[in-house]
PDB file of N, CA and C in Angstrom:
ATOM      1  N   MET A   1      -2.377  -1.400  21.946  1.00  0.00           N
ATOM      2  CA  MET A   1      -3.348  -1.544  20.998  1.00  0.00           C
ATOM      3  C   MET A   1      -2.794  -0.694  19.633  1.00  0.00           C
ATOM      4  N   PRO A   2      -1.968   0.330  19.737  1.00  0.00           N
ATOM      5  CA  PRO A   2      -1.295   0.807  18.421  1.00  0.00           C
ATOM      6  C   PRO A   2      -0.375  -0.443  17.959  1.00  0.00           C
ATOM      7  N   LEU A   3       0.161  -1.083  18.583  1.00  0.00           N
ATOM      8  CA  LEU A   3       1.098  -2.268  18.258  1.00  0.00           C
ATOM      9  C   LEU A   3       0.391  -3.049  17.168  1.00  0.00           C
ATOM     10  N   ARG A   4      -0.810  -3.450  17.426  1.00  0.00           N
ATOM     11  CA  ARG A   4      -1.568  -4.244  16.516  1.00  0.00           C
ATOM     12  C   ARG A   4      -1.847  -3.638  15.267  1.00  0.00           C
ATOM     13  N   LEU A   5      -2.207  -2.374  15.100  1.00  0.00           N
ATOM     14  CA  LEU A   5      -2.352  -1.628  14.099  1.00  0.00           C
ATOM     15  C   LEU A   5      -1.107  -1.668  13.049  1.00  0.00           C
ATOM     16  N   ILE A   6       0.164  -1.273  13.685  1.00  0.00           N
ATOM     17  CA  ILE A   6       1.331  -1.232  13.201  1.00  0.00           C
ATOM     18  C   ILE A   6       1.863  -2.640  12.667  1.00  0.00           C
ATOM     19  N   THR A   7       1.566  -3.532  13.565  1.00  0.00           N
ATOM     20  CA  THR A   7       1.924  -4.915  12.950  1.00  0.00           C
ATOM     21  C   THR A   7       1.027  -5.438  11.873  1.00  0.00           C
ATOM     22  N   SER A   8      -0.375  -4.961  11.827  1.00  0.00           N
ATOM     23  CA  SER A   8      -1.187  -5.330  10.591  1.00  0.00           C
ATOM     24  C   SER A   8      -0.628  -4.456   9.294  1.00  0.00           C
ATOM     25  N   ILE A   9      -0.215  -3.309   9.575  1.00  0.00           N
ATOM     26  CA  ILE A   9       0.065  -2.269   8.332  1.00  0.00           C
ATOM     27  C   ILE A   9       1.604  -3.087   7.756  1.00  0.00           C
ATOM     28  N   LEU A  10       2.426  -3.666   8.948  1.00  0.00           N
ATOM     29  CA  LEU A  10       3.745  -4.296   8.396  1.00  0.00           C
ATOM     30  C   LEU A  10       3.606  -5.835   7.890  1.00  0.00           C
ATOM     31  N   THR A  11       2.270  -6.361   7.943  1.00  0.00           N
ATOM     32  CA  THR A  11       2.154  -7.635   7.500  1.00  0.00           C
ATOM     33  C   THR A  11       1.804  -7.757   6.048  1.00  0.00           C
ATOM     34  N   PRO A  12       2.575  -8.371   5.247  1.00  0.00           N
ATOM     35  CA  PRO A  12       2.256  -8.602   3.894  1.00  0.00           C
ATOM     36  C   PRO A  12       1.028  -9.145   3.538  1.00  0.00           C
ATOM     37  N   SER A  13       0.361  -8.484   2.333  1.00  0.00           N
ATOM     38  CA  SER A  13      -1.104  -8.961   2.113  1.00  0.00           C
ATOM     39  C   SER A  13      -1.010 -10.223   1.574  1.00  0.00           C
ATOM     40  N   THR A  14      -2.306 -10.919   1.476  1.00  0.00           N
ATOM     41  CA  THR A  14      -2.175 -12.401   1.014  1.00  0.00           C
ATOM     42  C   THR A  14      -3.010 -12.240  -0.192  1.00  0.00           C
ATOM     43  N   ALA A  15      -2.896 -13.320  -1.055  1.00  0.00           N
ATOM     44  CA  ALA A  15      -3.507 -13.439  -2.311  1.00  0.00           C
ATOM     45  C   ALA A  15      -5.071 -13.870  -2.028  1.00  0.00           C
ATOM     46  N   ASP A  16      -5.444 -14.282  -1.005  1.00  0.00           N
ATOM     47  CA  ASP A  16      -6.849 -14.556  -0.727  1.00  0.00           C
ATOM     48  C   ASP A  16      -7.689 -13.697   0.077  1.00  0.00           C
ATOM     49  N   GLU A  17      -7.272 -12.509   0.117  1.00  0.00           N
ATOM     50  CA  GLU A  17      -7.908 -11.313   0.966  1.00  0.00           C
ATOM     51  C   GLU A  17      -8.967 -11.075  -0.247  1.00  0.00           C
ATOM     52  N   ASP A  18     -10.130 -10.445   0.520  1.00  0.00           N
ATOM     53  CA  ASP A  18     -11.205 -10.204  -0.127  1.00  0.00           C
ATOM     54  C   ASP A  18     -11.175  -8.645  -1.047  1.00  0.00           C
ATOM     55  N   PRO A  19     -11.937  -8.858  -2.191  1.00  0.00           N
ATOM     56  CA  PRO A  19     -11.706  -7.460  -3.166  1.00  0.00           C
ATOM     57  C   PRO A  19     -11.946  -6.152  -2.337  1.00  0.00           C
ATOM     58  N   TYR A  20     -12.645  -5.908  -1.314  1.00  0.00           N
ATOM     59  CA  TYR A  20     -12.820  -4.767  -0.564  1.00  0.00           C
ATOM     60  C   TYR A  20     -11.409  -4.561   0.218  1.00  0.00           C
ATOM     61  N   SER A  21     -10.792  -5.548   0.874  1.00  0.00           N
ATOM     62  CA  SER A  21      -9.483  -4.963   1.270  1.00  0.00           C
ATOM     63  C   SER A  21      -8.524  -4.609   0.369  1.00  0.00           C
ATOM     64  N   TRP A  22      -8.462  -5.219  -0.932  1.00  0.00           N
ATOM     65  CA  TRP A  22      -7.418  -5.159  -1.904  1.00  0.00           C
ATOM     66  C   TRP A  22      -7.875  -3.621  -2.359  1.00  0.00           C
ATOM     67  N   ALA A  23      -9.010  -3.071  -2.532  1.00  0.00           N
ATOM     68  CA  ALA A  23      -9.288  -1.942  -2.806  1.00  0.00           C
ATOM     69  C   ALA A  23      -8.849  -0.724  -1.852  1.00  0.00           C
ATOM     70  N   VAL A  24      -9.220  -1.204  -0.301  1.00  0.00           N
ATOM     71  CA  VAL A  24      -8.650  -0.157   0.648  1.00  0.00           C
ATOM     72  C   VAL A  24      -7.383  -0.075   0.753  1.00  0.00           C
ATOM     73  N   ILE A  25      -6.455  -1.161   0.495  1.00  0.00           N
ATOM     74  CA  ILE A  25      -5.015  -1.256   0.591  1.00  0.00           C
ATOM     75  C   ILE A  25      -4.718  -0.412  -0.501  1.00  0.00           C
ATOM     76  N   GLY A  26      -5.199  -0.635  -1.730  1.00  0.00           N
ATOM     77  CA  GLY A  26      -4.535   0.345  -2.867  1.00  0.00           C
ATOM     78  C   GLY A  26      -4.738   1.640  -2.553  1.00  0.00           C
ATOM     79  N   ILE A  27      -6.010   2.126  -2.072  1.00  0.00           N
ATOM     80  CA  ILE A  27      -6.261   3.575  -1.874  1.00  0.00           C
ATOM     81  C   ILE A  27      -5.390   3.957  -0.734  1.00  0.00           C
ATOM     82  N   GLY A  28      -5.014   3.256   0.347  1.00  0.00           N
ATOM     83  CA  GLY A  28      -4.064   3.307   1.363  1.00  0.00           C
ATOM     84  C   GLY A  28      -2.563   3.572   0.942  1.00  0.00           C
ATOM     85  N   HIS A  29      -2.099   2.882  -0.082  1.00  0.00           N
ATOM     86  CA  HIS A  29      -0.939   2.912  -0.743  1.00  0.00           C
ATOM     87  C   HIS A  29      -0.941   4.522  -1.561  1.00  0.00           C
ATOM     88  N   ALA A  30      -1.847   4.743  -2.251  1.00  0.00           N
ATOM     89  CA  ALA A  30      -1.905   5.982  -3.157  1.00  0.00           C
ATOM     90  C   ALA A  30      -1.839   7.245  -2.164  1.00  0.00           C
ATOM     91  N   MET A  31      -2.699   7.153  -1.181  1.00  0.00           N
ATOM     92  CA  MET A  31      -2.381   8.402  -0.036  1.00  0.00           C
ATOM     93  C   MET A  31      -1.255   8.354   0.524  1.00  0.00           C
ATOM     94  N   LEU A  32      -0.282   7.118   0.701  1.00  0.00           N
ATOM     95  CA  LEU A  32       0.885   7.154   1.318  1.00  0.00           C
ATOM     96  C   LEU A  32       1.776   7.756   0.271  1.00  0.00           C
ATOM     97  N   GLY A  33       1.595   7.528  -0.968  1.00  0.00           N
ATOM     98  CA  GLY A  33       2.526   8.122  -1.943  1.00  0.00           C
ATOM     99  C   GLY A  33       2.102   9.468  -1.852  1.00  0.00           C
ATOM    100  N   ALA A  34       0.995  10.050  -1.874  1.00  0.00           N
ATOM    101  CA  ALA A  34       0.613  11.482  -1.883  1.00  0.00           C
ATOM    102  C   ALA A  34       1.139  12.280  -0.777  1.00  0.00           C
ATOM    103  N   SER A  35       1.285  11.671   0.423  1.00  0.00           N
ATOM    104  CA  SER A  35       1.645  12.091   1.760  1.00  0.00           C
ATOM    105  C   SER A  35       3.060  12.393   1.599  1.00  0.00           C
ATOM    106  N   PHE A  36       3.755  11.467   0.922  1.00  0.00           N
ATOM    107  CA  PHE A  36       5.508  11.415   0.777  1.00  0.00           C
ATOM    108  C   PHE A  36       5.517  12.834  -0.036  1.00  0.00           C
ATOM    109  N   ALA A  37       4.916  12.794  -1.244  1.00  0.00           N
ATOM    110  CA  ALA A  37       5.083  13.782  -2.172  1.00  0.00           C
ATOM    111  C   ALA A  37       4.875  15.412  -1.604  1.00  0.00           C
ATOM    112  N   ALA A  38       3.869  15.218  -0.596  1.00  0.00           N
ATOM    113  CA  ALA A  38       3.524  16.327  -0.236  1.00  0.00           C
ATOM    114  C   ALA A  38       4.672  16.919   1.076  1.00  0.00           C
ATOM    115  N   VAL A  39       5.419  16.005   1.602  1.00  0.00           N
ATOM    116  CA  VAL A  39       6.231  16.087   2.690  1.00  0.00           C
ATOM    117  C   VAL A  39       7.542  16.741   1.738  1.00  0.00           C
ATOM    118  N   VAL A  40       7.960  15.839   0.749  1.00  0.00           N
ATOM    119  CA  VAL A  40       8.939  16.191  -0.035  1.00  0.00           C
ATOM    120  C   VAL A  40       9.035  17.317  -0.724  1.00  0.00           C
ATOM    121  N   GLY A  41       7.876  17.866  -1.288  1.00  0.00           N
ATOM    122  CA  GLY A  41       7.944  18.962  -1.921  1.00  0.00           C
ATOM    123  C   GLY A  41       6.932  18.756  -3.306  1.00  0.00           C
ATOM    124  N   MET A  42       6.945  19.661  -4.159  1.00  0.00           N
ATOM    125  CA  MET A  42       6.043  19.610  -5.432  1.00  0.00           C
ATOM    126  C   MET A  42       6.578  18.442  -6.521  1.00  0.00           C
ATOM    127  N   TRP A  43       5.717  18.010  -6.977  1.00  0.00           N
ATOM    128  CA  TRP A  43       6.225  16.675  -7.902  1.00  0.00           C
ATOM    129  C   TRP A  43       7.156  16.987  -8.934  1.00  0.00           C
ATOM    130  N   ALA A  44       8.063  16.251  -9.095  1.00  0.00           N
ATOM    131  CA  ALA A  44       9.187  16.543 -10.063  1.00  0.00           C
ATOM    132  C   ALA A  44       9.598  15.228 -10.253  1.00  0.00           C
ATOM    133  N   ALA A  45      10.240  14.802 -11.158  1.00  0.00           N
ATOM    134  CA  ALA A  45      10.594  13.328 -11.859  1.00  0.00           C
ATOM    135  C   ALA A  45      11.578  12.851 -11.105  1.00  0.00           C
ATOM    136  N   PRO A  46      12.804  13.520 -10.491  1.00  0.00           N
ATOM    137  CA  PRO A  46      13.590  13.175  -9.569  1.00  0.00           C
ATOM    138  C   PRO A  46      13.185  12.695  -8.264  1.00  0.00           C
ATOM    139  N   THR A  47      12.175  13.621  -7.816  1.00  0.00           N
ATOM    140  CA  THR A  47      11.651  13.548  -6.350  1.00  0.00           C
ATOM    141  C   THR A  47      10.706  12.203  -6.464  1.00  0.00           C
ATOM    142  N   TRP A  48       9.907  12.088  -7.581  1.00  0.00           N
ATOM    143  CA  TRP A  48       9.018  11.078  -7.798  1.00  0.00           C
ATOM    144  C   TRP A  48       9.819   9.596  -7.714  1.00  0.00           C
ATOM    145  N   TRP A  49      10.966   9.417  -8.575  1.00  0.00           N
ATOM    146  CA  TRP A  49      11.779   8.335  -8.532  1.00  0.00           C
ATOM    147  C   TRP A  49      12.131   7.926  -7.076  1.00  0.00           C
ATOM    148  N   ILE A  50      12.752   8.910  -6.249  1.00  0.00           N
ATOM    149  CA  ILE A  50      13.141   8.717  -5.161  1.00  0.00           C
ATOM    150  C   ILE A  50      12.338   8.127  -4.056  1.00  0.00           C
ATOM    151  N   ILE A  51      10.913   8.714  -4.213  1.00  0.00           N
ATOM    152  CA  ILE A  51      10.015   8.377  -3.397  1.00  0.00           C
ATOM    153  C   ILE A  51       9.463   6.955  -3.521  1.00  0.00           C
ATOM    154  N   VAL A  52       9.384   6.523  -4.944  1.00  0.00           N
ATOM    155  CA  VAL A  52       8.875   4.966  -5.343  1.00  0.00           C
ATOM    156  C   VAL A  52      10.075   4.129  -5.174  1.00  0.00           C
ATOM    157  N   LEU A  53      11.271   4.421  -5.177  1.00  0.00           N
ATOM    158  CA  LEU A  53      12.495   3.581  -4.935  1.00  0.00           C
ATOM    159  C   LEU A  53      12.504   3.175  -3.630  1.00  0.00           C
ATOM    160  N   ALA A  54      12.732   4.595  -2.985  1.00  0.00           N
ATOM    161  CA  ALA A  54      12.739   4.175  -1.312  1.00  0.00           C
ATOM    162  C   ALA A  54      11.637   3.457  -0.814  1.00  0.00           C
ATOM    163  N   TYR A  55      10.412   3.415  -1.225  1.00  0.00           N
ATOM    164  CA  TYR A  55       9.375   2.865  -0.880  1.00  0.00           C
ATOM    165  C   TYR A  55       9.589   1.408  -1.029  1.00  0.00           C
ATOM    166  N   ALA A  56       9.807   1.064  -2.211  1.00  0.00           N
ATOM    167  CA  ALA A  56      10.013  -0.210  -2.904  1.00  0.00           C
ATOM    168  C   ALA A  56      10.999  -1.167  -1.883  1.00  0.00           C
ATOM    169  N   LEU A  57      12.065  -0.341  -1.894  1.00  0.00           N
ATOM    170  CA  LEU A  57      13.626  -0.695  -1.234  1.00  0.00           C
ATOM    171  C   LEU A  57      13.007  -1.118   0.318  1.00  0.00           C
ATOM    172  N   VAL A  58      12.268  -0.111   1.270  1.00  0.00           N
ATOM    173  CA  VAL A  58      12.149  -0.162   2.621  1.00  0.00           C
ATOM    174  C   VAL A  58      10.977  -1.396   2.660  1.00  0.00           C
ATOM    175  N   LYS A  59       9.805  -0.955   2.215  1.00  0.00           N
ATOM    176  CA  LYS A  59       8.848  -1.585   2.597  1.00  0.00           C
ATOM    177  C   LYS A  59       8.373  -2.938   2.098  1.00  0.00           C
ATOM    178  N   GLU A  60       8.442  -2.779   0.683  1.00  0.00           N
ATOM    179  CA  GLU A  60       8.108  -3.944  -0.217  1.00  0.00           C
ATOM    180  C   GLU A  60       9.144  -5.144  -0.338  1.00  0.00           C
ATOM    181  N   ARG A  61      10.222  -4.562  -0.062  1.00  0.00           N
ATOM    182  CA  ARG A  61      11.470  -5.640  -0.103  1.00  0.00           C
ATOM    183  C   ARG A  61      11.326  -6.510   1.283  1.00  0.00           C
ATOM    184  N   ARG A  62      11.196  -5.674   2.361  1.00  0.00           N
ATOM    185  CA  ARG A  62      10.833  -6.505   3.837  1.00  0.00           C
ATOM    186  C   ARG A  62       9.570  -7.017   3.681  1.00  0.00           C
ATOM    187  N   ASP A  63       8.316  -7.106   3.122  1.00  0.00           N
ATOM    188  CA  ASP A  63       7.395  -7.820   2.568  1.00  0.00           C
ATOM    189  C   ASP A  63       7.732  -9.165   1.921  1.00  0.00           C
ATOM    190  N   LEU A  64       8.686  -8.964   0.792  1.00  0.00           N
ATOM    191  CA  LEU A  64       9.088 -10.043   0.137  1.00  0.00           C
ATOM    192  C   LEU A  64      10.029 -11.097   1.066  1.00  0.00           C
ATOM    193  N   ARG A  65      10.752 -10.403   1.872  1.00  0.00           N
ATOM    194  CA  ARG A  65      11.428 -11.412   2.660  1.00  0.00           C
ATOM    195  C   ARG A  65      10.647 -11.913   3.780  1.00  0.00           C
ATOM    196  N   ASN A  66       9.583 -11.415   4.106  1.00  0.00           N
ATOM    197  CA  ASN A  66       8.725 -11.869   5.043  1.00  0.00           C
ATOM    198  C   ASN A  66       7.638 -12.876   4.535  1.00  0.00           C
ATOM    199  N   GLY A  67       7.795 -13.312   3.367  1.00  0.00           N
ATOM    200  CA  GLY A  67       6.803 -14.199   2.785  1.00  0.00           C
ATOM    201  C   GLY A  67       5.663 -13.617   1.915  1.00  0.00           C
ATOM    202  N   GLY A  68       6.076 -12.288   1.589  1.00  0.00           N
ATOM    203  CA  GLY A  68       4.859 -11.623   0.734  1.00  0.00           C
ATOM    204  C   GLY A  68       4.859 -12.139  -0.736  1.00  0.00           C
ATOM    205  N   TRP A  69       3.635 -11.730  -1.212  1.00  0.00           N
ATOM    206  CA  TRP A  69       3.398 -12.129  -2.655  1.00  0.00           C
ATOM    207  C   TRP A  69       4.086 -11.098  -3.628  1.00  0.00           C
ATOM    208  N   TRP A  70       4.705 -11.412  -4.533  1.00  0.00           N
ATOM    209  CA  TRP A  70       5.518 -10.428  -5.470  1.00  0.00           C
ATOM    210  C   TRP A  70       4.581  -9.675  -6.122  1.00  0.00           C
ATOM    211  N   ARG A  71       3.209 -10.106  -6.564  1.00  0.00           N
ATOM    212  CA  ARG A  71       2.295  -9.617  -7.314  1.00  0.00           C
ATOM    213  C   ARG A  71       1.668  -8.243  -6.343  1.00  0.00           C
ATOM    214  N   ASP A  72       1.637  -8.591  -4.948  1.00  0.00           N
ATOM    215  CA  ASP A  72       1.131  -7.510  -4.065  1.00  0.00           C
ATOM    216  C   ASP A  72       2.243  -6.278  -3.833  1.00  0.00           C
ATOM    217  N   SER A  73       3.438  -6.673  -3.980  1.00  0.00           N
ATOM    218  CA  SER A  73       4.353  -5.852  -3.866  1.00  0.00           C
ATOM    219  C   SER A  73       4.592  -5.020  -5.188  1.00  0.00           C
ATOM    220  N   VAL A  74       4.163  -5.414  -6.169  1.00  0.00           N
ATOM    221  CA  VAL A  74       4.300  -4.630  -7.493  1.00  0.00           C
ATOM    222  C   VAL A  74       3.087  -3.815  -7.508  1.00  0.00           C
ATOM    223  N   ALA A  75       1.936  -4.285  -7.004  1.00  0.00           N
ATOM    224  CA  ALA A  75       0.755  -3.581  -7.116  1.00  0.00           C
ATOM    225  C   ALA A  75       0.830  -2.234  -6.251  1.00  0.00           C
ATOM    226  N   ASP A  76       1.452  -2.489  -4.739  1.00  0.00           N
ATOM    227  CA  ASP A  76       1.543  -1.745  -3.615  1.00  0.00           C
ATOM    228  C   ASP A  76       2.766  -0.574  -3.930  1.00  0.00           C
ATOM    229  N   THR A  77       3.508  -0.966  -4.725  1.00  0.00           N
ATOM    230  CA  THR A  77       4.522   0.120  -5.337  1.00  0.00           C
ATOM    231  C   THR A  77       3.869   0.681  -6.387  1.00  0.00           C
ATOM    232  N   CYS A  78       3.006   0.461  -7.182  1.00  0.00           N
ATOM    233  CA  CYS A  78       2.362   1.197  -8.346  1.00  0.00           C
ATOM    234  C   CYS A  78       1.382   2.175  -7.924  1.00  0.00           C
ATOM    235  N   PHE A  79       0.799   1.769  -6.742  1.00  0.00           N
ATOM    236  CA  PHE A  79      -0.084   2.697  -5.959  1.00  0.00           C
ATOM    237  C   PHE A  79       0.536   3.852  -5.402  1.00  0.00           C
ATOM    238  N   VAL A  80       1.652   3.506  -4.825  1.00  0.00           N
ATOM    239  CA  VAL A  80       2.417   4.483  -4.069  1.00  0.00           C
ATOM    240  C   VAL A  80       2.920   5.434  -5.178  1.00  0.00           C
ATOM    241  N   ALA A  81       3.484   4.936  -6.333  1.00  0.00           N
ATOM    242  CA  ALA A  81       3.969   5.750  -7.445  1.00  0.00           C
ATOM    243  C   ALA A  81       2.850   6.633  -8.110  1.00  0.00           C
ATOM    244  N   LEU A  82       1.556   6.226  -8.335  1.00  0.00           N
ATOM    245  CA  LEU A  82       0.352   6.996  -8.660  1.00  0.00           C
ATOM    246  C   LEU A  82       0.368   7.994  -7.741  1.00  0.00           C
ATOM    247  N   GLY A  83       0.140   7.764  -6.404  1.00  0.00           N
ATOM    248  CA  GLY A  83      -0.052   8.888  -5.251  1.00  0.00           C
ATOM    249  C   GLY A  83       1.109   9.731  -5.234  1.00  0.00           C
ATOM    250  N   ALA A  84       2.220   9.542  -5.587  1.00  0.00           N
ATOM    251  CA  ALA A  84       3.613  10.222  -5.555  1.00  0.00           C
ATOM    252  C   ALA A  84       3.282  11.421  -6.553  1.00  0.00           C
ATOM    253  N   MET A  85       2.526  11.310  -7.412  1.00  0.00           N
ATOM    254  CA  MET A  85       2.269  12.381  -8.664  1.00  0.00           C
ATOM    255  C   MET A  85       1.532  13.463  -8.112  1.00  0.00           C
ATOM    256  N   TYR A  86       1.062  13.313  -6.885  1.00  0.00           N
ATOM    257  CA  TYR A  86       0.073  14.382  -6.354  1.00  0.00           C
ATOM    258  C   TYR A  86       0.754  15.782  -6.122  1.00  0.00           C
ATOM    259  N   ASP A  87       0.096  16.733  -6.393  1.00  0.00           N
ATOM    260  CA  ASP A  87       0.983  17.963  -6.379  1.00  0.00           C
ATOM    261  C   ASP A  87      -0.173  19.228  -5.983  1.00  0.00           C
ATOM    262  N   GLY A  88      -1.255  18.744  -5.300  1.00  0.00           N
ATOM    263  CA  GLY A  88      -2.104  19.647  -4.521  1.00  0.00           C
ATOM    264  C   GLY A  88      -1.534  20.141  -3.310  1.00  0.00           C
ATOM    265  N   PRO A  89      -2.489  20.692  -2.481  1.00  0.00           N
ATOM    266  CA  PRO A  89      -1.834  21.313  -1.282  1.00  0.00           C
ATOM    267  C   PRO A  89      -1.182  20.152  -0.330  1.00  0.00           C
ATOM    268  N   ALA A  90      -0.318  20.450   0.367  1.00  0.00           N
ATOM    269  CA  ALA A  90       0.235  19.461   1.164  1.00  0.00           C
ATOM    270  C   ALA A  90      -0.294  19.097   2.400  1.00  0.00           C
ATOM    271  N   TRP A  91      -1.299  19.890   2.982  1.00  0.00           N
ATOM    272  CA  TRP A  91      -1.859  19.298   3.991  1.00  0.00           C
ATOM    273  C   TRP A  91      -2.768  18.286   3.700  1.00  0.00           C
ATOM    274  N   TRP A  92      -3.699  18.277   2.415  1.00  0.00           N
ATOM    275  CA  TRP A  92      -4.614  17.297   2.364  1.00  0.00           C
ATOM    276  C   TRP A  92      -4.395  15.896   2.528  1.00  0.00           C
ATOM    277  N   PRO A  93      -3.305  15.332   1.729  1.00  0.00           N
ATOM    278  CA  PRO A  93      -3.130  13.905   2.057  1.00  0.00           C
ATOM    279  C   PRO A  93      -2.736  13.479   3.476  1.00  0.00           C
ATOM    280  N   ILE A  94      -1.762  14.460   3.968  1.00  0.00           N
ATOM    281  CA  ILE A  94      -1.458  14.139   5.342  1.00  0.00           C
ATOM    282  C   ILE A  94      -2.583  14.335   6.288  1.00  0.00           C
ATOM    283  N   ALA A  95      -3.515  15.058   6.169  1.00  0.00           N
ATOM    284  CA  ALA A  95      -4.631  15.064   7.044  1.00  0.00           C
ATOM    285  C   ALA A  95      -5.485  13.832   6.661  1.00  0.00           C
ATOM    286  N   ILE A  96      -5.538  13.462   5.574  1.00  0.00           N
ATOM    287  CA  ILE A  96      -6.409  12.014   5.350  1.00  0.00           C
ATOM    288  C   ILE A  96      -5.553  10.893   6.030  1.00  0.00           C
ATOM    289  N   MET A  97      -4.467  10.802   6.082  1.00  0.00           N
ATOM    290  CA  MET A  97      -3.625   9.583   6.554  1.00  0.00           C
ATOM    291  C   MET A  97      -3.768   9.950   8.082  1.00  0.00           C
ATOM    292  N   LEU A  98      -3.695  11.009   8.401  1.00  0.00           N
ATOM    293  CA  LEU A  98      -3.624  11.247  10.106  1.00  0.00           C
ATOM    294  C   LEU A  98      -5.284  10.908  10.503  1.00  0.00           C
ATOM    295  N   ILE A  99      -6.238  11.116   9.930  1.00  0.00           N
ATOM    296  CA  ILE A  99      -7.607  10.813  10.385  1.00  0.00           C
ATOM    297  C   ILE A  99      -7.846   9.525  10.116  1.00  0.00           C
ATOM    298  N   ALA A 100      -7.449   8.846   9.145  1.00  0.00           N
ATOM    299  CA  ALA A 100      -7.473   7.488   9.102  1.00  0.00           C
ATOM    300  C   ALA A 100      -6.923   6.607  10.243  1.00  0.00           C
ATOM    301  N   GLY A 101      -5.727   7.003  10.399  1.00  0.00           N
ATOM    302  CA  GLY A 101      -4.903   6.237  11.556  1.00  0.00           C
ATOM    303  C   GLY A 101      -5.654   6.498  12.922  1.00  0.00           C
ATOM    304  N   ALA A 102      -6.122   7.861  13.077  1.00  0.00           N
ATOM    305  CA  ALA A 102      -6.734   7.958  14.368  1.00  0.00           C
ATOM    306  C   ALA A 102      -8.040   7.298  14.406  1.00  0.00           C
ATOM    307  N   SER A 103      -8.797   7.196  13.069  1.00  0.00           N
ATOM    308  CA  SER A 103      -9.934   6.287  13.162  1.00  0.00           C
ATOM    309  C   SER A 103      -9.675   4.943  13.480  1.00  0.00           C
ATOM    310  N   ALA A 104      -8.808   4.323  12.851  1.00  0.00           N
ATOM    311  CA  ALA A 104      -8.204   2.897  13.160  1.00  0.00           C
ATOM    312  C   ALA A 104      -7.857   3.112  14.667  1.00  0.00           C
ATOM    313  N   LEU A 105      -7.326   3.716  15.241  1.00  0.00           N
ATOM    314  CA  LEU A 105      -7.097   3.567  16.892  1.00  0.00           C
ATOM    315  C   LEU A 105      -8.576   3.702  17.728  1.00  0.00           C
ATOM    316  N   VAL A 106      -9.253   4.530  17.228  1.00  0.00           N
ATOM    317  CA  VAL A 106     -10.583   4.581  17.833  1.00  0.00           C
ATOM    318  C   VAL A 106     -11.284   3.375  17.689  1.00  0.00           C
ATOM    319  N   ARG A 107     -11.322   2.730  16.653  1.00  0.00           N
ATOM    320  CA  ARG A 107     -11.896   1.374  16.288  1.00  0.00           C
ATOM    321  C   ARG A 107     -11.256   0.619  17.427  1.00  0.00           C
ATOM    322  N   GLU A 108      -9.979   0.478  17.355  1.00  0.00           N
ATOM    323  CA  GLU A 108      -9.320  -0.667  18.171  1.00  0.00           C
ATOM    324  C   GLU A 108      -9.634  -0.405  19.441  1.00  0.00           C
ATOM    325  N   TRP A 109      -9.738   0.861  20.091  1.00  0.00           N
ATOM    326  CA  TRP A 109      -9.986   1.127  21.377  1.00  0.00           C
ATOM    327  C   TRP A 109     -11.414   0.602  21.579  1.00  0.00           C
ATOM    328  N   HIS A 110     -12.376   0.886  20.672  1.00  0.00           N
ATOM    329  CA  HIS A 110     -13.761   0.438  20.955  1.00  0.00           C
ATOM    330  C   HIS A 110     -13.723  -1.282  20.912  1.00  0.00           C
ATOM    331  N   LEU A 111     -13.155  -1.907  20.021  1.00  0.00           N
ATOM    332  CA  LEU A 111     -13.275  -3.445  20.192  1.00  0.00           C
ATOM    333  C   LEU A 111     -12.536  -3.927  21.411  1.00  0.00           C
ATOM    334  N   GLU A 112     -11.485  -3.169  21.935  1.00  0.00           N
ATOM    335  CA  GLU A 112     -10.751  -3.685  23.295  1.00  0.00           C
ATOM    336  C   GLU A 112     -11.830  -3.423  24.297  1.00  0.00           C
ATOM    337  N   ALA A 113     -12.607  -2.450  24.386  1.00  0.00           N
ATOM    338  CA  ALA A 113     -13.476  -2.141  25.553  1.00  0.00           C
ATOM    339  C   ALA A 113     -14.757  -2.990  25.576  1.00  0.00           C
ATOM    340  N   SER A 114     -15.027  -3.565  24.357  1.00  0.00           N
ATOM    341  CA  SER A 114     -16.239  -4.422  24.536  1.00  0.00           C
ATOM    342  C   SER A 114     -15.999  -5.803  24.546  1.00  0.00           C
TER     343      SER A 114
END
C-alpha cells in the first residue's frame, strides 16, 4: 500500500487534472521546498539555488523523461523554489509533510479494508 502512494508521487501530473488537484500538488511542492530548506539550514542564496537545481534535475527531469508535461515541471519547480525560501522553525514544514504522508497512508489502509 505505501508503494501506491510512492507511485502516485512519482507519476507526472497531466494537463487534464482537476483544479483542486493542481492546487494541492502546488501546496505539496511548496511544503517540500520548505522541508528541504529546513533540513539544509537557514535560507541563503547558494542553498536556495542548490535546493531548486537538485529538485529540478532529480525529480522534474525524471518526470519529463517519463512523458511529463513541461509546464507542470516548470510550475512544480517554481513551487519548490518558493517553499525553499522558508526560514521559520525547522520542525514545522517537516511535521506537515510527515502528517500529510501519514494521513495518506491511513486513507490508503481505510480504502484497502473496505
